[in-house]
Amino acid sequence: TVGTEGKIHIDQSRHPVLALRGVEPTANDISLGFDYDALVLTGPNAGGKTVVLKTLGLFALFVRYGLPVPAMDGARVDWFNPILADIGDLQTVTGDVSTFSGHLLVSKAVLERAGRGALVLMDEMGTGTDPSQGAALAQA
């Protein structure tokens, strides 16, 4: 099902690229926009948090391009516009941008464009700086 209310409900979601590579990815149940409008993923390093975010982003893009969402029957991924993400590292030696500065630049751009109907995916907010400062930034 596709709507315009900003809802996602997927049972047993798996990252499609990992599945194509023959990797048996961990299945995740994801629900967003029904009882709450934000989702914070926490867990250990290499625990799959980034994979879940990328899966959500891919499924939202599949909807935009009219592709079927590879999920269990009853899945719902609404139409989001825009789809915004800060997943990765913009650190560059030539651009004189540190990991933290790169994330700040992308976060600023995301916040400027985010609004009603947007899907915002932010990975490792505040990374590249002191953990207490990073936590304060993420809470803000």
N, C-alpha and C. Protein backbone atom coordinates (compact mmCIF):
# COMPACT_ATOMS: atom_id res chain seq x y z
N THR A 1 0.85 -1.18 0.00
CA THR A 1 0.00 0.00 0.00
C THR A 1 0.89 1.24 0.00
N VAL A 2 0.47 2.24 -0.76
CA VAL A 2 1.19 3.51 -0.81
C VAL A 2 0.19 4.62 -0.50
N GLY A 3 0.52 5.46 0.46
CA GLY A 3 -0.31 6.59 0.79
C GLY A 3 0.53 7.86 0.79
N THR A 4 -0.03 8.92 1.34
CA THR A 4 0.69 10.19 1.41
C THR A 4 0.71 10.73 2.84
N GLU A 5 0.49 9.85 3.80
CA GLU A 5 0.40 10.27 5.19
C GLU A 5 1.72 10.14 5.95
N GLY A 6 2.78 9.75 5.28
CA GLY A 6 4.08 9.62 5.93
C GLY A 6 4.21 8.39 6.81
N LYS A 7 3.63 7.29 6.35
CA LYS A 7 3.66 6.06 7.15
C LYS A 7 4.49 4.98 6.47
N ILE A 8 5.14 4.19 7.31
CA ILE A 8 5.89 3.02 6.85
C ILE A 8 5.56 1.88 7.80
N HIS A 9 5.21 0.75 7.23
CA HIS A 9 5.04 -0.46 8.03
C HIS A 9 5.54 -1.63 7.19
N ILE A 10 6.60 -2.25 7.66
CA ILE A 10 7.21 -3.36 6.93
C ILE A 10 7.53 -4.47 7.93
N ASP A 11 7.02 -5.65 7.65
CA ASP A 11 7.38 -6.83 8.44
C ASP A 11 8.43 -7.61 7.68
N GLN A 12 9.44 -8.05 8.40
CA GLN A 12 10.49 -8.90 7.82
C GLN A 12 11.22 -8.21 6.66
N SER A 13 11.53 -6.92 6.83
CA SER A 13 12.27 -6.21 5.78
C SER A 13 13.71 -6.69 5.73
N ARG A 14 14.23 -6.78 4.54
CA ARG A 14 15.63 -7.17 4.33
C ARG A 14 16.22 -6.24 3.27
N HIS A 15 17.46 -5.86 3.46
CA HIS A 15 18.12 -5.01 2.48
C HIS A 15 18.23 -5.78 1.17
N PRO A 16 17.63 -5.28 0.08
CA PRO A 16 17.58 -6.05 -1.17
C PRO A 16 18.93 -6.31 -1.81
N VAL A 17 19.87 -5.40 -1.67
CA VAL A 17 21.19 -5.60 -2.29
C VAL A 17 21.93 -6.72 -1.57
N LEU A 18 21.83 -6.76 -0.24
CA LEU A 18 22.46 -7.85 0.50
C LEU A 18 21.86 -9.19 0.10
N ALA A 19 20.55 -9.22 -0.06
CA ALA A 19 19.89 -10.47 -0.47
C ALA A 19 20.37 -10.91 -1.85
N LEU A 20 20.54 -9.96 -2.77
CA LEU A 20 21.03 -10.29 -4.12
C LEU A 20 22.45 -10.83 -4.10
N ARG A 21 23.25 -10.39 -3.14
CA ARG A 21 24.64 -10.86 -3.03
C ARG A 21 24.73 -12.23 -2.37
N GLY A 22 23.61 -12.79 -1.99
CA GLY A 22 23.63 -14.10 -1.37
C GLY A 22 23.83 -14.06 0.13
N VAL A 23 23.87 -12.87 0.70
CA VAL A 23 23.99 -12.71 2.14
C VAL A 23 22.59 -12.87 2.74
N GLU A 24 22.48 -13.56 3.83
CA GLU A 24 21.19 -13.70 4.50
C GLU A 24 21.06 -12.58 5.54
N PRO A 25 20.51 -11.42 5.12
CA PRO A 25 20.43 -10.30 6.05
C PRO A 25 19.39 -10.56 7.15
N THR A 26 19.61 -9.94 8.28
CA THR A 26 18.67 -10.03 9.38
C THR A 26 17.38 -9.32 8.99
N ALA A 27 16.26 -9.95 9.22
CA ALA A 27 14.96 -9.34 8.93
C ALA A 27 14.57 -8.41 10.07
N ASN A 28 13.99 -7.27 9.71
CA ASN A 28 13.57 -6.28 10.70
C ASN A 28 12.12 -5.88 10.46
N ASP A 29 11.39 -5.68 11.53
CA ASP A 29 10.04 -5.12 11.46
C ASP A 29 10.17 -3.63 11.74
N ILE A 30 9.62 -2.81 10.86
CA ILE A 30 9.75 -1.36 10.98
C ILE A 30 8.37 -0.74 10.87
N SER A 31 8.04 0.13 11.82
CA SER A 31 6.77 0.84 11.78
C SER A 31 7.02 2.28 12.16
N LEU A 32 6.55 3.19 11.33
CA LEU A 32 6.82 4.62 11.54
C LEU A 32 5.62 5.41 11.03
N GLY A 33 5.20 6.41 11.81
CA GLY A 33 4.12 7.29 11.38
C GLY A 33 2.75 6.90 11.90
N PHE A 34 2.67 5.79 12.62
CA PHE A 34 1.38 5.38 13.18
C PHE A 34 1.25 5.92 14.60
N ASP A 35 2.06 5.44 15.51
CA ASP A 35 2.02 5.91 16.89
C ASP A 35 3.06 6.99 17.17
N TYR A 36 4.03 7.13 16.30
CA TYR A 36 5.08 8.13 16.47
C TYR A 36 5.67 8.47 15.11
N ASP A 37 6.30 9.65 15.03
CA ASP A 37 6.83 10.14 13.76
C ASP A 37 8.34 10.11 13.68
N ALA A 38 9.00 9.62 14.71
CA ALA A 38 10.46 9.54 14.70
C ALA A 38 10.88 8.18 15.21
N LEU A 39 12.01 7.74 14.74
CA LEU A 39 12.55 6.45 15.14
C LEU A 39 14.03 6.63 15.40
N VAL A 40 14.48 6.27 16.59
CA VAL A 40 15.89 6.34 16.93
C VAL A 40 16.39 4.90 17.08
N LEU A 41 17.39 4.56 16.29
CA LEU A 41 17.98 3.22 16.35
C LEU A 41 19.25 3.28 17.18
N THR A 42 19.35 2.41 18.16
CA THR A 42 20.56 2.33 18.96
C THR A 42 21.04 0.89 18.98
N GLY A 43 22.30 0.71 19.24
CA GLY A 43 22.85 -0.63 19.32
C GLY A 43 24.35 -0.61 19.14
N PRO A 44 24.96 -1.78 19.20
CA PRO A 44 26.42 -1.87 19.10
C PRO A 44 26.91 -1.59 17.69
N ASN A 45 28.21 -1.28 17.59
CA ASN A 45 28.82 -1.14 16.27
C ASN A 45 28.62 -2.43 15.50
N ALA A 46 28.41 -2.30 14.21
CA ALA A 46 28.20 -3.44 13.31
C ALA A 46 26.94 -4.22 13.68
N GLY A 47 25.97 -3.54 14.31
CA GLY A 47 24.73 -4.19 14.71
C GLY A 47 23.61 -4.09 13.69
N GLY A 48 23.83 -3.38 12.58
CA GLY A 48 22.83 -3.31 11.53
C GLY A 48 22.01 -2.03 11.47
N LYS A 49 22.34 -1.03 12.28
CA LYS A 49 21.57 0.21 12.29
C LYS A 49 21.61 0.91 10.93
N THR A 50 22.78 1.03 10.36
CA THR A 50 22.93 1.70 9.06
C THR A 50 22.21 0.92 7.98
N VAL A 51 22.26 -0.39 8.04
CA VAL A 51 21.56 -1.22 7.05
C VAL A 51 20.06 -0.97 7.11
N VAL A 52 19.51 -0.83 8.31
CA VAL A 52 18.08 -0.54 8.44
C VAL A 52 17.76 0.81 7.81
N LEU A 53 18.58 1.84 8.08
CA LEU A 53 18.34 3.15 7.48
C LEU A 53 18.42 3.10 5.96
N LYS A 54 19.41 2.41 5.45
CA LYS A 54 19.55 2.29 3.99
C LYS A 54 18.39 1.51 3.39
N THR A 55 17.90 0.50 4.10
CA THR A 55 16.74 -0.26 3.63
C THR A 55 15.52 0.66 3.54
N LEU A 56 15.29 1.47 4.57
CA LEU A 56 14.17 2.41 4.53
C LEU A 56 14.30 3.37 3.35
N GLY A 57 15.49 3.90 3.15
CA GLY A 57 15.71 4.82 2.04
C GLY A 57 15.48 4.16 0.69
N LEU A 58 15.99 2.95 0.53
CA LEU A 58 15.79 2.22 -0.73
C LEU A 58 14.31 1.95 -0.98
N PHE A 59 13.59 1.50 0.05
CA PHE A 59 12.17 1.21 -0.13
C PHE A 59 11.40 2.47 -0.51
N ALA A 60 11.73 3.61 0.09
CA ALA A 60 11.07 4.87 -0.27
C ALA A 60 11.39 5.25 -1.72
N LEU A 61 12.62 5.00 -2.15
CA LEU A 61 12.98 5.25 -3.56
C LEU A 61 12.27 4.28 -4.49
N PHE A 62 12.12 3.02 -4.08
CA PHE A 62 11.39 2.05 -4.91
C PHE A 62 9.98 2.58 -5.18
N VAL A 63 9.31 3.10 -4.16
CA VAL A 63 7.96 3.64 -4.32
C VAL A 63 7.97 4.79 -5.33
N ARG A 64 8.94 5.67 -5.22
CA ARG A 64 9.01 6.82 -6.14
C ARG A 64 9.19 6.40 -7.58
N TYR A 65 9.88 5.29 -7.80
CA TYR A 65 10.14 4.83 -9.16
C TYR A 65 9.17 3.74 -9.61
N GLY A 66 8.14 3.49 -8.82
CA GLY A 66 7.14 2.51 -9.20
C GLY A 66 7.59 1.07 -9.13
N LEU A 67 8.61 0.80 -8.34
CA LEU A 67 9.12 -0.56 -8.18
C LEU A 67 8.45 -1.23 -6.99
N PRO A 68 8.27 -2.54 -7.06
CA PRO A 68 7.67 -3.22 -5.91
C PRO A 68 8.63 -3.23 -4.71
N VAL A 69 8.06 -3.08 -3.54
CA VAL A 69 8.84 -3.13 -2.31
C VAL A 69 8.96 -4.60 -1.90
N PRO A 70 10.19 -5.10 -1.80
CA PRO A 70 10.37 -6.52 -1.45
C PRO A 70 10.14 -6.76 0.05
N ALA A 71 8.87 -6.94 0.40
CA ALA A 71 8.51 -7.13 1.80
C ALA A 71 7.29 -8.05 1.87
N MET A 72 6.94 -8.42 3.07
CA MET A 72 5.80 -9.31 3.31
C MET A 72 4.50 -8.61 2.89
N ASP A 73 3.47 -9.42 2.61
CA ASP A 73 2.15 -8.87 2.30
C ASP A 73 1.71 -7.95 3.43
N GLY A 74 1.01 -6.89 3.07
CA GLY A 74 0.54 -5.94 4.07
C GLY A 74 1.51 -4.80 4.32
N ALA A 75 2.63 -4.79 3.60
CA ALA A 75 3.60 -3.71 3.78
C ALA A 75 3.02 -2.39 3.30
N ARG A 76 3.45 -1.33 3.93
CA ARG A 76 3.04 0.01 3.50
C ARG A 76 4.27 0.91 3.53
N VAL A 77 4.54 1.53 2.41
CA VAL A 77 5.59 2.54 2.32
C VAL A 77 4.98 3.71 1.57
N ASP A 78 4.75 4.81 2.26
CA ASP A 78 4.11 5.96 1.64
C ASP A 78 5.07 6.72 0.74
N TRP A 79 4.51 7.65 0.00
CA TRP A 79 5.25 8.54 -0.89
C TRP A 79 5.85 9.65 -0.04
N PHE A 80 7.17 9.75 -0.04
CA PHE A 80 7.86 10.80 0.71
C PHE A 80 8.53 11.75 -0.27
N ASN A 81 8.42 13.04 0.02
CA ASN A 81 9.07 14.04 -0.82
C ASN A 81 9.41 15.25 0.05
N PRO A 82 10.70 15.50 0.21
CA PRO A 82 11.86 14.81 -0.35
C PRO A 82 12.30 13.63 0.54
N ILE A 83 13.23 12.86 0.01
CA ILE A 83 13.92 11.82 0.78
C ILE A 83 15.32 12.36 1.03
N LEU A 84 15.66 12.58 2.29
CA LEU A 84 16.92 13.22 2.67
C LEU A 84 17.73 12.28 3.55
N ALA A 85 19.03 12.24 3.33
CA ALA A 85 19.86 11.32 4.12
C ALA A 85 21.23 11.91 4.41
N ASP A 86 21.72 11.59 5.59
CA ASP A 86 23.12 11.83 5.96
C ASP A 86 23.65 10.48 6.43
N ILE A 87 24.12 9.71 5.47
CA ILE A 87 24.65 8.37 5.75
C ILE A 87 26.01 8.31 5.07
N GLY A 88 27.06 8.31 5.85
CA GLY A 88 28.40 8.28 5.26
C GLY A 88 29.26 9.37 5.82
N ASP A 89 30.38 9.59 5.17
CA ASP A 89 31.40 10.51 5.67
C ASP A 89 31.87 11.39 4.52
N LEU A 90 31.81 12.70 4.72
CA LEU A 90 32.26 13.64 3.69
C LEU A 90 33.67 14.15 3.93
N GLN A 91 34.40 13.49 4.81
CA GLN A 91 35.76 13.94 5.11
C GLN A 91 36.60 13.92 3.85
N THR A 92 37.34 14.99 3.62
CA THR A 92 38.25 15.04 2.50
C THR A 92 39.46 15.88 2.87
N VAL A 93 40.60 15.44 2.44
CA VAL A 93 41.82 16.19 2.71
C VAL A 93 41.87 17.42 1.81
N THR A 94 41.51 17.24 0.54
CA THR A 94 41.59 18.35 -0.41
C THR A 94 40.54 19.41 -0.14
N GLY A 95 39.38 19.02 0.40
CA GLY A 95 38.33 19.98 0.66
C GLY A 95 38.41 20.60 2.04
N ASP A 96 39.43 20.21 2.82
CA ASP A 96 39.63 20.75 4.16
C ASP A 96 38.37 20.60 5.01
N VAL A 97 37.74 19.42 4.93
CA VAL A 97 36.52 19.15 5.69
C VAL A 97 36.76 17.93 6.58
N SER A 98 36.61 18.11 7.89
CA SER A 98 36.75 16.99 8.81
C SER A 98 35.46 16.16 8.81
N THR A 99 35.50 15.00 9.44
CA THR A 99 34.31 14.17 9.56
C THR A 99 33.18 14.97 10.22
N PHE A 100 33.48 15.62 11.33
CA PHE A 100 32.47 16.38 12.05
C PHE A 100 31.94 17.54 11.22
N SER A 101 32.83 18.29 10.58
CA SER A 101 32.41 19.42 9.75
C SER A 101 31.54 18.96 8.59
N GLY A 102 31.91 17.83 7.99
CA GLY A 102 31.12 17.28 6.89
C GLY A 102 29.71 16.94 7.34
N HIS A 103 29.59 16.30 8.50
CA HIS A 103 28.26 15.97 9.02
C HIS A 103 27.46 17.23 9.34
N LEU A 104 28.11 18.26 9.88
CA LEU A 104 27.41 19.51 10.16
C LEU A 104 26.87 20.14 8.89
N LEU A 105 27.68 20.14 7.83
CA LEU A 105 27.24 20.71 6.56
C LEU A 105 26.04 19.96 5.99
N VAL A 106 26.10 18.65 6.02
CA VAL A 106 24.98 17.85 5.50
C VAL A 106 23.76 18.01 6.40
N SER A 107 23.94 18.00 7.71
CA SER A 107 22.81 18.17 8.63
C SER A 107 22.12 19.50 8.41
N LYS A 108 22.89 20.54 8.19
CA LYS A 108 22.32 21.87 7.92
C LYS A 108 21.48 21.83 6.65
N ALA A 109 22.01 21.23 5.59
CA ALA A 109 21.27 21.14 4.33
C ALA A 109 20.00 20.31 4.48
N VAL A 110 20.09 19.22 5.22
CA VAL A 110 18.91 18.36 5.45
C VAL A 110 17.84 19.14 6.21
N LEU A 111 18.22 19.81 7.29
CA LEU A 111 17.25 20.56 8.09
C LEU A 111 16.61 21.69 7.30
N GLU A 112 17.35 22.31 6.40
CA GLU A 112 16.80 23.38 5.57
C GLU A 112 15.74 22.86 4.60
N ARG A 113 15.87 21.62 4.16
CA ARG A 113 14.94 21.05 3.17
C ARG A 113 13.83 20.22 3.79
N ALA A 114 14.02 19.77 5.03
CA ALA A 114 13.04 18.89 5.66
C ALA A 114 11.76 19.66 5.98
N GLY A 115 10.67 18.99 5.84
CA GLY A 115 9.37 19.58 6.16
C GLY A 115 8.31 18.51 6.06
N ARG A 116 7.07 18.93 5.99
CA ARG A 116 5.97 17.97 5.87
C ARG A 116 6.18 17.09 4.64
N GLY A 117 6.04 15.80 4.84
CA GLY A 117 6.16 14.86 3.73
C GLY A 117 7.57 14.35 3.49
N ALA A 118 8.54 14.82 4.27
CA ALA A 118 9.93 14.41 4.07
C ALA A 118 10.24 13.14 4.86
N LEU A 119 11.12 12.33 4.30
CA LEU A 119 11.71 11.21 5.03
C LEU A 119 13.16 11.60 5.27
N VAL A 120 13.54 11.70 6.54
CA VAL A 120 14.88 12.13 6.91
C VAL A 120 15.60 10.96 7.58
N LEU A 121 16.72 10.57 7.01
CA LEU A 121 17.52 9.46 7.54
C LEU A 121 18.89 10.01 7.95
N MET A 122 19.18 9.96 9.24
CA MET A 122 20.44 10.49 9.76
C MET A 122 21.18 9.37 10.47
N ASP A 123 22.42 9.13 10.06
CA ASP A 123 23.21 8.05 10.64
C ASP A 123 24.36 8.63 11.44
N GLU A 124 24.53 8.15 12.65
CA GLU A 124 25.64 8.53 13.53
C GLU A 124 25.77 10.04 13.69
N MET A 125 24.70 10.65 14.17
CA MET A 125 24.71 12.09 14.39
C MET A 125 25.78 12.46 15.41
N GLY A 126 26.50 13.51 15.14
CA GLY A 126 27.51 14.00 16.06
C GLY A 126 28.80 13.21 16.06
N THR A 127 28.96 12.32 15.09
CA THR A 127 30.19 11.54 15.03
C THR A 127 31.36 12.44 14.63
N GLY A 128 32.53 12.10 15.06
CA GLY A 128 33.72 12.88 14.71
C GLY A 128 34.04 13.97 15.71
N THR A 129 33.35 13.99 16.83
CA THR A 129 33.63 14.97 17.87
C THR A 129 33.52 14.28 19.23
N ASP A 130 33.74 15.02 20.29
CA ASP A 130 33.61 14.50 21.64
C ASP A 130 32.21 13.91 21.82
N PRO A 131 32.09 12.71 22.40
CA PRO A 131 30.78 12.07 22.54
C PRO A 131 29.72 12.92 23.24
N SER A 132 30.10 13.67 24.27
CA SER A 132 29.10 14.49 24.98
C SER A 132 28.60 15.62 24.09
N GLN A 133 29.50 16.21 23.28
CA GLN A 133 29.08 17.25 22.35
C GLN A 133 28.23 16.67 21.22
N GLY A 134 28.61 15.48 20.76
CA GLY A 134 27.83 14.82 19.72
C GLY A 134 26.43 14.48 20.20
N ALA A 135 26.32 14.02 21.44
CA ALA A 135 25.01 13.69 22.02
C ALA A 135 24.14 14.94 22.13
N ALA A 136 24.74 16.05 22.56
CA ALA A 136 23.99 17.30 22.67
C ALA A 136 23.50 17.75 21.30
N LEU A 137 24.32 17.61 20.28
CA LEU A 137 23.93 17.98 18.92
C LEU A 137 22.77 17.11 18.44
N ALA A 138 22.84 15.81 18.68
CA ALA A 138 21.78 14.90 18.25
C ALA A 138 20.46 15.23 18.95
N GLN A 139 20.53 15.60 20.23
CA GLN A 139 19.31 15.94 20.96
C GLN A 139 18.71 17.24 20.47
N ALA A 140 19.55 18.16 20.04
CA ALA A 140 19.05 19.45 19.55
C ALA A 140 18.29 19.25 18.27
